Every structure is written in C-alpha cells, then in structure tokens.
C-alpha cells in the first residue's frame, strides 16, 4: 500500500506535507481529515486561488484561461514558502507544471494519493461541473480522459516521497509517517 516510506522528520518539526494526485483522488478529503486529527493547519491550493481571485476554478478557466490559472497556481504554491507544520492539498495538475514538483520536494514532503481510474471516474461523474477539464465529458470519454491524463501525469506524481494506494485505505487510515511523528513528539 505504501511505497517510498523512508520519510523522517526532525524532532518537533513535520514541515509541509504536499498532497498530490489526480482530481478526485481524495487530496482534500484526506488532508482535512489528517489536519483535524493532528491539529495541523490545512490549505487547499484551489480554494486559496478561488479566494484570491474571487472566482471559482471553473470561472477562472473559462474567463482567464488555463495559462492564467497555472500562473496563479505557481504564485499561490510558492506563497507557502514560510509556512511550516501544515498540510497542503494541491490541484491535480500542480506537480506537472513549471518546477512545482521539484520545489515541493525541496520544501516539504510530497505524498501521492494514487487512485484507480475507475474510482476516480465514480467520484468525478457527480462533480463534473466543478472540474473544468472534465465538465463536458460523459461515460467512456470521461474514463478515457482520466486514463490518458493519469498516464501523462504519473511521471510527475511518482516523484513523491510517499505513494499511498487510496483504493486500499479505510476511513481511519493514517500514514505511518504522520503517526510516527506524533508518537515521537
């Protein structure tokens, strides 16, 4: 279930944990859950962009375009430089643009929440209106899009320090590296 598990935190310091993975893989769900459990601040990169722009991600894509969104995403991501001991859920494409994945690996610990295309499909089928890249796709076209994009992005996602198989995680799952940090505190 877990790969690349040799994640160590200096005593009293968990740093930044960046959750990466495809849209619908559970980054926001798990990030909120773990942040509440361990009383860590939680930030959702897309929500931070929406607050700054006073528009939804879908509106930004529609009115300003993806290039503008990616610039905002980069700026917002790097605004977390001074933050510490927090969990940040990144957008599905965040690791795949600019030097974002390298920057996250140099400035925190990255965790790839890996989900199967079928499970992502089941989640996205009911959330398409919030997701500009898939809002006009249905049935087999949506599943094909997910499979194709996952294959393209896997190169970036696999650079994460930790890879968690989301499909195998129960509701109470806590990654060992977070639990170990708090037990040793």
N, C-alpha and C. Protein backbone atom coordinates (compact mmCIF):
# COMPACT_ATOMS: atom_id res chain seq x y z
N UNK A 1 0.82 -1.20 0.00
CA UNK A 1 0.00 0.00 0.00
C UNK A 1 0.85 1.25 0.00
N UNK A 2 1.95 1.26 0.75
CA UNK A 2 2.78 2.46 0.84
C UNK A 2 4.13 2.16 0.21
N UNK A 3 4.60 3.06 -0.61
CA UNK A 3 5.93 2.95 -1.20
C UNK A 3 6.74 4.17 -0.77
N UNK A 4 8.04 4.09 -0.89
CA UNK A 4 8.92 5.22 -0.54
C UNK A 4 8.65 5.71 0.88
N UNK A 5 8.69 4.80 1.85
CA UNK A 5 8.27 5.17 3.20
C UNK A 5 9.37 5.71 4.08
N UNK A 6 10.55 5.89 3.58
CA UNK A 6 11.66 6.37 4.42
C UNK A 6 11.57 7.88 4.63
N UNK A 7 10.47 8.32 5.18
CA UNK A 7 10.27 9.75 5.45
C UNK A 7 10.55 9.99 6.92
N UNK A 8 11.50 10.84 7.20
CA UNK A 8 11.87 11.17 8.58
C UNK A 8 11.68 12.66 8.80
N UNK A 9 11.20 13.01 9.96
CA UNK A 9 11.03 14.41 10.32
C UNK A 9 11.95 14.73 11.48
N UNK A 10 12.64 15.87 11.44
CA UNK A 10 13.43 16.28 12.59
C UNK A 10 12.52 16.42 13.81
N UNK A 11 13.05 16.18 14.97
CA UNK A 11 12.26 16.25 16.20
C UNK A 11 11.52 17.58 16.31
N UNK A 12 10.21 17.49 16.54
CA UNK A 12 9.39 18.69 16.71
C UNK A 12 9.07 19.43 15.43
N UNK A 13 9.34 18.82 14.28
CA UNK A 13 9.16 19.53 13.02
C UNK A 13 8.62 18.57 11.97
N UNK A 14 7.39 18.79 11.54
CA UNK A 14 6.81 17.95 10.49
C UNK A 14 6.94 18.64 9.13
N UNK A 15 7.13 19.95 9.12
CA UNK A 15 7.28 20.68 7.87
C UNK A 15 5.98 20.78 7.11
N UNK A 16 6.10 20.92 5.81
CA UNK A 16 4.94 20.98 4.93
C UNK A 16 4.73 19.60 4.31
N UNK A 17 3.48 19.16 4.30
CA UNK A 17 3.12 17.94 3.60
C UNK A 17 2.26 18.35 2.42
N UNK A 18 2.74 18.06 1.21
CA UNK A 18 2.01 18.38 -0.01
C UNK A 18 1.32 17.11 -0.50
N UNK A 19 0.00 17.14 -0.62
CA UNK A 19 -0.75 16.01 -1.15
C UNK A 19 -0.94 16.24 -2.64
N UNK A 20 -0.49 15.27 -3.43
CA UNK A 20 -0.61 15.35 -4.88
C UNK A 20 -1.37 14.13 -5.39
N UNK A 21 -1.91 14.24 -6.58
CA UNK A 21 -2.64 13.15 -7.20
C UNK A 21 -3.69 13.71 -8.13
N UNK A 22 -4.32 12.83 -8.87
CA UNK A 22 -5.30 13.24 -9.87
C UNK A 22 -6.54 13.83 -9.19
N UNK A 23 -7.27 14.66 -9.93
CA UNK A 23 -8.52 15.20 -9.39
C UNK A 23 -9.41 14.03 -8.96
N UNK A 24 -10.05 14.18 -7.83
CA UNK A 24 -10.93 13.13 -7.34
C UNK A 24 -10.24 12.01 -6.58
N UNK A 25 -8.93 12.15 -6.34
CA UNK A 25 -8.21 11.08 -5.64
C UNK A 25 -8.34 11.19 -4.12
N UNK A 26 -8.89 12.29 -3.63
CA UNK A 26 -9.12 12.43 -2.19
C UNK A 26 -8.16 13.34 -1.46
N UNK A 27 -7.46 14.19 -2.19
CA UNK A 27 -6.46 15.07 -1.54
C UNK A 27 -7.11 15.98 -0.50
N UNK A 28 -8.22 16.60 -0.85
CA UNK A 28 -8.89 17.50 0.10
C UNK A 28 -9.51 16.70 1.25
N UNK A 29 -10.15 15.59 0.94
CA UNK A 29 -10.76 14.76 1.98
C UNK A 29 -9.73 14.31 3.00
N UNK A 30 -8.65 13.69 2.52
CA UNK A 30 -7.63 13.16 3.44
C UNK A 30 -6.87 14.29 4.12
N UNK A 31 -6.60 15.36 3.40
CA UNK A 31 -5.89 16.49 4.00
C UNK A 31 -6.66 17.09 5.17
N UNK A 32 -7.96 17.28 4.97
CA UNK A 32 -8.79 17.83 6.06
C UNK A 32 -8.85 16.86 7.23
N UNK A 33 -9.03 15.59 6.92
CA UNK A 33 -9.13 14.57 7.97
C UNK A 33 -7.86 14.52 8.80
N UNK A 34 -6.70 14.44 8.15
CA UNK A 34 -5.44 14.34 8.88
C UNK A 34 -5.12 15.64 9.62
N UNK A 35 -5.47 16.77 9.02
CA UNK A 35 -5.18 18.04 9.70
C UNK A 35 -6.02 18.19 10.97
N UNK A 36 -7.26 17.75 10.92
CA UNK A 36 -8.10 17.79 12.13
C UNK A 36 -7.59 16.83 13.19
N UNK A 37 -7.23 15.64 12.75
CA UNK A 37 -6.76 14.62 13.68
C UNK A 37 -5.49 15.07 14.41
N UNK A 38 -4.59 15.73 13.69
CA UNK A 38 -3.30 16.12 14.27
C UNK A 38 -3.17 17.61 14.53
N UNK A 39 -4.30 18.32 14.41
CA UNK A 39 -4.33 19.75 14.71
C UNK A 39 -3.26 20.53 13.94
N UNK A 40 -3.20 20.24 12.65
CA UNK A 40 -2.30 20.94 11.74
C UNK A 40 -3.13 21.86 10.85
N UNK A 41 -2.63 23.02 10.50
CA UNK A 41 -3.35 23.85 9.53
C UNK A 41 -3.46 23.11 8.19
N UNK A 42 -4.60 23.27 7.53
CA UNK A 42 -4.83 22.65 6.23
C UNK A 42 -5.15 23.73 5.21
N UNK A 43 -4.56 23.60 4.04
CA UNK A 43 -4.82 24.52 2.94
C UNK A 43 -5.10 23.72 1.69
N UNK A 44 -6.11 24.14 0.94
CA UNK A 44 -6.40 23.56 -0.36
C UNK A 44 -5.97 24.61 -1.38
N UNK A 45 -5.01 24.26 -2.22
CA UNK A 45 -4.45 25.22 -3.17
C UNK A 45 -5.53 25.85 -4.05
N UNK A 46 -6.45 25.03 -4.56
CA UNK A 46 -7.53 25.57 -5.40
C UNK A 46 -8.41 26.54 -4.63
N UNK A 47 -8.72 26.21 -3.38
CA UNK A 47 -9.54 27.12 -2.56
C UNK A 47 -8.82 28.44 -2.30
N UNK A 48 -7.51 28.37 -2.11
CA UNK A 48 -6.73 29.60 -1.89
C UNK A 48 -6.74 30.47 -3.15
N UNK A 49 -6.65 29.85 -4.32
CA UNK A 49 -6.71 30.59 -5.59
C UNK A 49 -8.10 31.21 -5.75
N UNK A 50 -9.14 30.45 -5.45
CA UNK A 50 -10.51 30.98 -5.56
C UNK A 50 -10.71 32.19 -4.64
N UNK A 51 -10.18 32.12 -3.43
CA UNK A 51 -10.31 33.26 -2.50
C UNK A 51 -9.59 34.49 -3.07
N UNK A 52 -8.38 34.28 -3.57
CA UNK A 52 -7.59 35.40 -4.08
C UNK A 52 -8.24 36.04 -5.31
N UNK A 53 -8.79 35.21 -6.18
CA UNK A 53 -9.37 35.71 -7.43
C UNK A 53 -10.86 36.04 -7.32
N UNK A 54 -11.48 35.61 -6.23
CA UNK A 54 -12.92 35.80 -6.03
C UNK A 54 -13.73 35.19 -7.18
N UNK A 55 -13.26 34.03 -7.65
CA UNK A 55 -13.93 33.27 -8.71
C UNK A 55 -13.69 31.79 -8.43
N UNK A 56 -14.57 30.94 -8.96
CA UNK A 56 -14.32 29.51 -8.86
C UNK A 56 -13.23 29.12 -9.86
N UNK A 57 -12.66 27.96 -9.67
CA UNK A 57 -11.64 27.47 -10.62
C UNK A 57 -12.26 27.37 -12.01
N UNK A 58 -13.50 26.87 -12.09
CA UNK A 58 -14.17 26.77 -13.38
C UNK A 58 -14.30 28.14 -14.05
N UNK A 59 -14.64 29.17 -13.28
CA UNK A 59 -14.76 30.53 -13.83
C UNK A 59 -13.40 31.06 -14.28
N UNK A 60 -12.36 30.77 -13.52
CA UNK A 60 -11.01 31.22 -13.91
C UNK A 60 -10.62 30.59 -15.23
N UNK A 61 -10.83 29.27 -15.37
CA UNK A 61 -10.51 28.58 -16.62
C UNK A 61 -11.31 29.18 -17.77
N UNK A 62 -12.61 29.41 -17.53
CA UNK A 62 -13.49 29.90 -18.59
C UNK A 62 -13.16 31.34 -18.99
N UNK A 63 -12.94 32.21 -18.01
CA UNK A 63 -12.76 33.64 -18.30
C UNK A 63 -11.32 34.04 -18.56
N UNK A 64 -10.39 33.40 -17.85
CA UNK A 64 -8.99 33.82 -17.93
C UNK A 64 -8.08 32.81 -18.62
N UNK A 65 -8.54 31.57 -18.75
CA UNK A 65 -7.77 30.54 -19.42
C UNK A 65 -6.86 29.75 -18.49
N UNK A 66 -6.43 28.59 -18.99
CA UNK A 66 -5.59 27.71 -18.18
C UNK A 66 -4.22 28.32 -17.90
N UNK A 67 -3.66 29.04 -18.87
CA UNK A 67 -2.33 29.63 -18.65
C UNK A 67 -2.34 30.60 -17.47
N UNK A 68 -3.37 31.44 -17.39
CA UNK A 68 -3.50 32.36 -16.25
C UNK A 68 -3.64 31.57 -14.95
N UNK A 69 -4.48 30.52 -14.99
CA UNK A 69 -4.67 29.69 -13.79
C UNK A 69 -3.35 29.10 -13.33
N UNK A 70 -2.55 28.57 -14.26
CA UNK A 70 -1.28 27.94 -13.88
C UNK A 70 -0.31 28.96 -13.26
N UNK A 71 -0.34 30.19 -13.74
CA UNK A 71 0.49 31.25 -13.14
C UNK A 71 0.03 31.54 -11.71
N UNK A 72 -1.28 31.61 -11.52
CA UNK A 72 -1.83 31.83 -10.17
C UNK A 72 -1.49 30.65 -9.25
N UNK A 73 -1.57 29.46 -9.81
CA UNK A 73 -1.27 28.25 -9.05
C UNK A 73 0.18 28.27 -8.56
N UNK A 74 1.10 28.62 -9.46
CA UNK A 74 2.52 28.70 -9.12
C UNK A 74 2.76 29.75 -8.03
N UNK A 75 2.18 30.93 -8.22
CA UNK A 75 2.33 32.01 -7.25
C UNK A 75 1.77 31.59 -5.88
N UNK A 76 0.60 30.98 -5.89
CA UNK A 76 -0.05 30.56 -4.63
C UNK A 76 0.75 29.46 -3.96
N UNK A 77 1.22 28.49 -4.74
CA UNK A 77 2.03 27.40 -4.17
C UNK A 77 3.25 27.96 -3.47
N UNK A 78 3.95 28.85 -4.14
CA UNK A 78 5.20 29.37 -3.57
C UNK A 78 4.96 30.36 -2.43
N UNK A 79 3.72 30.81 -2.29
CA UNK A 79 3.40 31.69 -1.15
C UNK A 79 3.44 30.91 0.17
N UNK A 80 3.51 29.59 0.08
CA UNK A 80 3.60 28.75 1.28
C UNK A 80 5.04 28.55 1.74
N UNK A 81 5.99 29.23 1.12
CA UNK A 81 7.41 29.07 1.48
C UNK A 81 7.66 29.21 2.98
N UNK A 82 7.07 30.20 3.59
CA UNK A 82 7.34 30.48 5.00
C UNK A 82 6.47 29.65 5.95
N UNK A 83 5.48 28.95 5.43
CA UNK A 83 4.61 28.14 6.28
C UNK A 83 5.36 26.90 6.76
N UNK A 84 4.93 26.39 7.89
CA UNK A 84 5.55 25.19 8.43
C UNK A 84 4.50 24.37 9.16
N UNK A 85 4.77 23.09 9.31
CA UNK A 85 3.87 22.20 10.04
C UNK A 85 2.43 22.34 9.56
N UNK A 86 2.20 22.05 8.28
CA UNK A 86 0.87 22.15 7.69
C UNK A 86 0.72 21.12 6.59
N UNK A 87 -0.53 20.93 6.17
CA UNK A 87 -0.86 20.02 5.07
C UNK A 87 -1.48 20.86 3.96
N UNK A 88 -1.00 20.65 2.73
CA UNK A 88 -1.46 21.42 1.58
C UNK A 88 -1.93 20.44 0.50
N UNK A 89 -3.21 20.52 0.14
CA UNK A 89 -3.75 19.72 -0.96
C UNK A 89 -3.55 20.50 -2.25
N UNK A 90 -2.84 19.91 -3.19
CA UNK A 90 -2.54 20.58 -4.46
C UNK A 90 -3.56 20.18 -5.51
N UNK A 91 -3.69 21.00 -6.54
CA UNK A 91 -4.54 20.64 -7.66
C UNK A 91 -3.94 19.46 -8.41
N UNK A 92 -4.77 18.75 -9.15
CA UNK A 92 -4.30 17.56 -9.86
C UNK A 92 -3.17 17.83 -10.83
N UNK A 93 -3.14 19.02 -11.42
CA UNK A 93 -2.09 19.34 -12.38
C UNK A 93 -0.89 20.06 -11.79
N UNK A 94 -0.99 20.45 -10.53
CA UNK A 94 0.07 21.25 -9.91
C UNK A 94 1.47 20.66 -10.10
N UNK A 95 1.68 19.37 -9.85
CA UNK A 95 3.05 18.83 -9.96
C UNK A 95 3.59 18.83 -11.39
N UNK A 96 2.72 18.99 -12.37
CA UNK A 96 3.08 18.79 -13.77
C UNK A 96 3.50 20.07 -14.49
N UNK A 97 3.51 21.19 -13.80
CA UNK A 97 3.82 22.45 -14.44
C UNK A 97 4.97 23.15 -13.74
N UNK A 98 5.67 23.99 -14.52
CA UNK A 98 6.83 24.74 -14.03
C UNK A 98 7.77 23.77 -13.31
N UNK A 99 8.33 24.19 -12.22
CA UNK A 99 9.20 23.30 -11.43
C UNK A 99 8.49 22.91 -10.14
N UNK A 100 7.17 22.85 -10.18
CA UNK A 100 6.38 22.67 -8.97
C UNK A 100 6.73 21.43 -8.17
N UNK A 101 6.87 20.28 -8.84
CA UNK A 101 7.14 19.04 -8.10
C UNK A 101 8.52 19.11 -7.44
N UNK A 102 9.49 19.60 -8.17
CA UNK A 102 10.83 19.75 -7.61
C UNK A 102 10.79 20.70 -6.42
N UNK A 103 10.10 21.82 -6.57
CA UNK A 103 10.01 22.80 -5.49
C UNK A 103 9.34 22.19 -4.25
N UNK A 104 8.25 21.44 -4.46
CA UNK A 104 7.56 20.82 -3.33
C UNK A 104 8.47 19.81 -2.63
N UNK A 105 9.21 19.01 -3.41
CA UNK A 105 10.13 18.03 -2.81
C UNK A 105 11.26 18.71 -2.04
N UNK A 106 11.68 19.87 -2.49
CA UNK A 106 12.75 20.60 -1.81
C UNK A 106 12.26 21.37 -0.58
N UNK A 107 10.95 21.64 -0.54
CA UNK A 107 10.41 22.48 0.53
C UNK A 107 9.43 21.77 1.45
N UNK A 108 9.31 20.47 1.32
CA UNK A 108 8.40 19.71 2.16
C UNK A 108 8.44 18.25 1.80
N UNK A 109 7.43 17.53 2.21
CA UNK A 109 7.29 16.11 1.88
C UNK A 109 6.07 15.96 0.99
N UNK A 110 6.25 15.28 -0.13
CA UNK A 110 5.16 15.07 -1.06
C UNK A 110 4.57 13.68 -0.85
N UNK A 111 3.25 13.60 -0.92
CA UNK A 111 2.52 12.34 -0.77
C UNK A 111 1.60 12.21 -1.97
N UNK A 112 1.81 11.16 -2.76
CA UNK A 112 0.96 10.90 -3.93
C UNK A 112 -0.18 10.00 -3.50
N UNK A 113 -1.40 10.51 -3.60
CA UNK A 113 -2.60 9.71 -3.33
C UNK A 113 -3.02 9.08 -4.66
N UNK A 114 -2.62 7.84 -4.83
CA UNK A 114 -2.82 7.13 -6.09
C UNK A 114 -4.15 6.38 -6.06
N UNK A 115 -5.03 6.71 -6.99
CA UNK A 115 -6.34 6.06 -7.09
C UNK A 115 -6.49 5.45 -8.48
N UNK A 116 -7.29 4.41 -8.57
CA UNK A 116 -7.52 3.76 -9.86
C UNK A 116 -8.40 4.65 -10.74
N UNK A 117 -8.27 4.53 -12.06
CA UNK A 117 -9.12 5.31 -12.96
C UNK A 117 -10.61 5.08 -12.69
N UNK A 118 -10.99 3.85 -12.36
CA UNK A 118 -12.40 3.53 -12.11
C UNK A 118 -12.92 4.27 -10.87
N UNK A 119 -12.13 4.32 -9.81
CA UNK A 119 -12.58 5.03 -8.61
C UNK A 119 -12.63 6.54 -8.83
N UNK A 120 -11.67 7.05 -9.58
CA UNK A 120 -11.70 8.48 -9.91
C UNK A 120 -12.95 8.79 -10.74
N UNK A 121 -13.23 7.93 -11.71
CA UNK A 121 -14.41 8.09 -12.56
C UNK A 121 -15.68 8.16 -11.71
N UNK A 122 -15.82 7.22 -10.77
CA UNK A 122 -17.01 7.19 -9.91
C UNK A 122 -17.18 8.49 -9.12
N UNK A 123 -16.08 9.06 -8.69
CA UNK A 123 -16.15 10.31 -7.93
C UNK A 123 -16.46 11.49 -8.85
N UNK A 124 -15.79 11.54 -10.00
CA UNK A 124 -15.93 12.70 -10.89
C UNK A 124 -17.28 12.77 -11.60
N UNK A 125 -17.91 11.63 -11.80
CA UNK A 125 -19.17 11.61 -12.53
C UNK A 125 -20.20 12.54 -11.87
N UNK A 126 -20.10 12.69 -10.55
CA UNK A 126 -21.05 13.55 -9.83
C UNK A 126 -20.51 14.95 -9.53
N UNK A 127 -19.26 15.21 -9.90
CA UNK A 127 -18.64 16.50 -9.58
C UNK A 127 -18.14 17.23 -10.81
N UNK A 128 -18.60 16.85 -11.98
CA UNK A 128 -18.05 17.38 -13.22
C UNK A 128 -18.18 18.89 -13.36
N UNK A 129 -19.25 19.46 -12.85
CA UNK A 129 -19.45 20.91 -13.01
C UNK A 129 -18.38 21.73 -12.31
N UNK A 130 -17.77 21.18 -11.26
CA UNK A 130 -16.72 21.89 -10.52
C UNK A 130 -15.35 21.71 -11.16
N UNK A 131 -15.26 20.84 -12.15
CA UNK A 131 -13.97 20.45 -12.72
C UNK A 131 -13.91 20.85 -14.19
N UNK A 132 -13.24 21.96 -14.49
CA UNK A 132 -13.27 22.49 -15.86
C UNK A 132 -12.71 21.55 -16.92
N UNK A 133 -11.76 20.71 -16.57
CA UNK A 133 -11.16 19.84 -17.58
C UNK A 133 -12.07 18.68 -17.98
N UNK A 134 -13.09 18.37 -17.18
CA UNK A 134 -13.94 17.21 -17.48
C UNK A 134 -15.42 17.55 -17.59
N UNK A 135 -15.78 18.80 -17.43
CA UNK A 135 -17.21 19.14 -17.33
C UNK A 135 -18.03 18.75 -18.56
N UNK A 136 -17.41 18.66 -19.72
CA UNK A 136 -18.15 18.32 -20.94
C UNK A 136 -17.98 16.87 -21.37
N UNK A 137 -17.37 16.05 -20.53
CA UNK A 137 -17.13 14.65 -20.88
C UNK A 137 -18.13 13.75 -20.18
N UNK A 138 -18.56 12.70 -20.89
CA UNK A 138 -19.50 11.75 -20.30
C UNK A 138 -19.04 10.32 -20.57
N UNK A 139 -19.51 9.41 -19.74
CA UNK A 139 -19.30 7.98 -19.92
C UNK A 139 -17.90 7.58 -20.32
N UNK A 140 -17.80 6.82 -21.42
CA UNK A 140 -16.50 6.29 -21.85
C UNK A 140 -15.48 7.39 -22.15
N UNK A 141 -15.94 8.56 -22.63
CA UNK A 141 -15.00 9.65 -22.92
C UNK A 141 -14.36 10.17 -21.64
N UNK A 142 -15.13 10.23 -20.57
CA UNK A 142 -14.60 10.67 -19.28
C UNK A 142 -13.57 9.66 -18.78
N UNK A 143 -13.90 8.39 -18.83
CA UNK A 143 -12.96 7.36 -18.37
C UNK A 143 -11.69 7.36 -19.21
N UNK A 144 -11.81 7.51 -20.52
CA UNK A 144 -10.63 7.58 -21.40
C UNK A 144 -9.76 8.78 -21.06
N UNK A 145 -10.40 9.92 -20.81
CA UNK A 145 -9.67 11.12 -20.43
C UNK A 145 -8.88 10.88 -19.15
N UNK A 146 -9.53 10.29 -18.15
CA UNK A 146 -8.87 10.01 -16.87
C UNK A 146 -7.67 9.10 -17.09
N UNK A 147 -7.86 8.02 -17.84
CA UNK A 147 -6.77 7.07 -18.07
C UNK A 147 -5.60 7.73 -18.80
N UNK A 148 -5.92 8.54 -19.81
CA UNK A 148 -4.88 9.22 -20.59
C UNK A 148 -4.11 10.23 -19.74
N UNK A 149 -4.84 11.07 -19.00
CA UNK A 149 -4.19 12.09 -18.17
C UNK A 149 -3.38 11.46 -17.04
N UNK A 150 -3.91 10.40 -16.44
CA UNK A 150 -3.16 9.70 -15.39
C UNK A 150 -1.83 9.19 -15.93
N UNK A 151 -1.88 8.62 -17.11
CA UNK A 151 -0.65 8.11 -17.72
C UNK A 151 0.35 9.25 -17.96
N UNK A 152 -0.12 10.40 -18.45
CA UNK A 152 0.75 11.55 -18.68
C UNK A 152 1.35 12.08 -17.37
N UNK A 153 0.54 12.13 -16.34
CA UNK A 153 0.95 12.77 -15.08
C UNK A 153 1.71 11.84 -14.14
N UNK A 154 1.61 10.55 -14.37
CA UNK A 154 2.26 9.58 -13.48
C UNK A 154 3.75 9.87 -13.31
N UNK A 155 4.41 10.30 -14.35
CA UNK A 155 5.83 10.64 -14.30
C UNK A 155 6.11 11.66 -13.19
N UNK A 156 5.23 12.63 -13.05
CA UNK A 156 5.39 13.66 -12.01
C UNK A 156 4.96 13.14 -10.64
N UNK A 157 3.79 12.51 -10.61
CA UNK A 157 3.27 12.03 -9.33
C UNK A 157 4.24 11.06 -8.66
N UNK A 158 4.88 10.21 -9.44
CA UNK A 158 5.76 9.18 -8.88
C UNK A 158 7.04 9.75 -8.26
N UNK A 159 7.28 11.04 -8.43
CA UNK A 159 8.43 11.67 -7.80
C UNK A 159 8.17 11.98 -6.32
N UNK A 160 6.97 11.69 -5.85
CA UNK A 160 6.61 11.97 -4.45
C UNK A 160 7.43 11.10 -3.52
N UNK A 161 7.67 11.61 -2.32
CA UNK A 161 8.38 10.85 -1.29
C UNK A 161 7.60 9.62 -0.86
N UNK A 162 6.28 9.74 -0.79
CA UNK A 162 5.42 8.66 -0.33
C UNK A 162 4.31 8.45 -1.36
N UNK A 163 4.01 7.19 -1.66
CA UNK A 163 2.90 6.86 -2.55
C UNK A 163 1.92 6.01 -1.76
N UNK A 164 0.68 6.49 -1.64
CA UNK A 164 -0.37 5.76 -0.93
C UNK A 164 -1.42 5.29 -1.93
N UNK A 165 -1.78 4.03 -1.86
CA UNK A 165 -2.82 3.46 -2.71
C UNK A 165 -4.18 3.78 -2.08
N UNK A 166 -4.82 4.82 -2.56
CA UNK A 166 -6.07 5.30 -1.98
C UNK A 166 -7.15 4.23 -1.98
N UNK A 167 -7.20 3.41 -3.02
CA UNK A 167 -8.24 2.39 -3.13
C UNK A 167 -8.18 1.39 -1.98
N UNK A 168 -7.03 1.28 -1.31
CA UNK A 168 -6.86 0.31 -0.22
C UNK A 168 -6.96 0.95 1.16
N UNK A 169 -7.19 2.25 1.22
CA UNK A 169 -7.21 2.96 2.50
C UNK A 169 -8.61 2.97 3.10
N UNK A 170 -8.74 2.55 4.35
CA UNK A 170 -10.02 2.62 5.05
C UNK A 170 -10.23 4.02 5.61
N UNK A 171 -11.43 4.29 6.08
CA UNK A 171 -11.80 5.61 6.61
C UNK A 171 -10.87 6.11 7.71
N UNK A 172 -10.29 5.21 8.50
CA UNK A 172 -9.46 5.62 9.63
C UNK A 172 -7.97 5.56 9.32
N UNK A 173 -7.62 5.41 8.06
CA UNK A 173 -6.22 5.28 7.69
C UNK A 173 -5.43 6.54 8.04
N UNK A 174 -4.28 6.33 8.65
CA UNK A 174 -3.34 7.43 8.93
C UNK A 174 -1.98 6.95 8.45
N UNK A 175 -1.31 7.71 7.59
CA UNK A 175 0.01 7.29 7.14
C UNK A 175 0.96 7.14 8.32
N UNK A 176 1.76 6.11 8.29
CA UNK A 176 2.69 5.83 9.38
C UNK A 176 3.61 6.99 9.69
N UNK A 177 4.04 7.73 8.67
CA UNK A 177 5.00 8.81 8.93
C UNK A 177 4.37 9.93 9.76
N UNK A 178 3.06 10.16 9.61
CA UNK A 178 2.40 11.17 10.44
C UNK A 178 2.23 10.63 11.86
N UNK A 179 1.74 9.40 11.96
CA UNK A 179 1.55 8.79 13.28
C UNK A 179 2.87 8.70 14.03
N UNK A 180 3.93 8.29 13.35
CA UNK A 180 5.26 8.17 13.99
C UNK A 180 5.73 9.52 14.51
N UNK A 181 5.51 10.55 13.74
CA UNK A 181 5.94 11.89 14.15
C UNK A 181 5.29 12.27 15.47
N UNK A 182 3.99 12.04 15.57
CA UNK A 182 3.28 12.45 16.78
C UNK A 182 3.55 11.53 17.96
N UNK A 183 3.85 10.27 17.72
CA UNK A 183 4.20 9.36 18.81
C UNK A 183 5.56 9.70 19.39
N UNK A 184 6.46 10.21 18.55
CA UNK A 184 7.82 10.52 18.99
C UNK A 184 7.98 11.95 19.49
N UNK A 185 6.92 12.70 19.52
CA UNK A 185 6.98 14.11 19.89
C UNK A 185 7.15 14.29 21.38
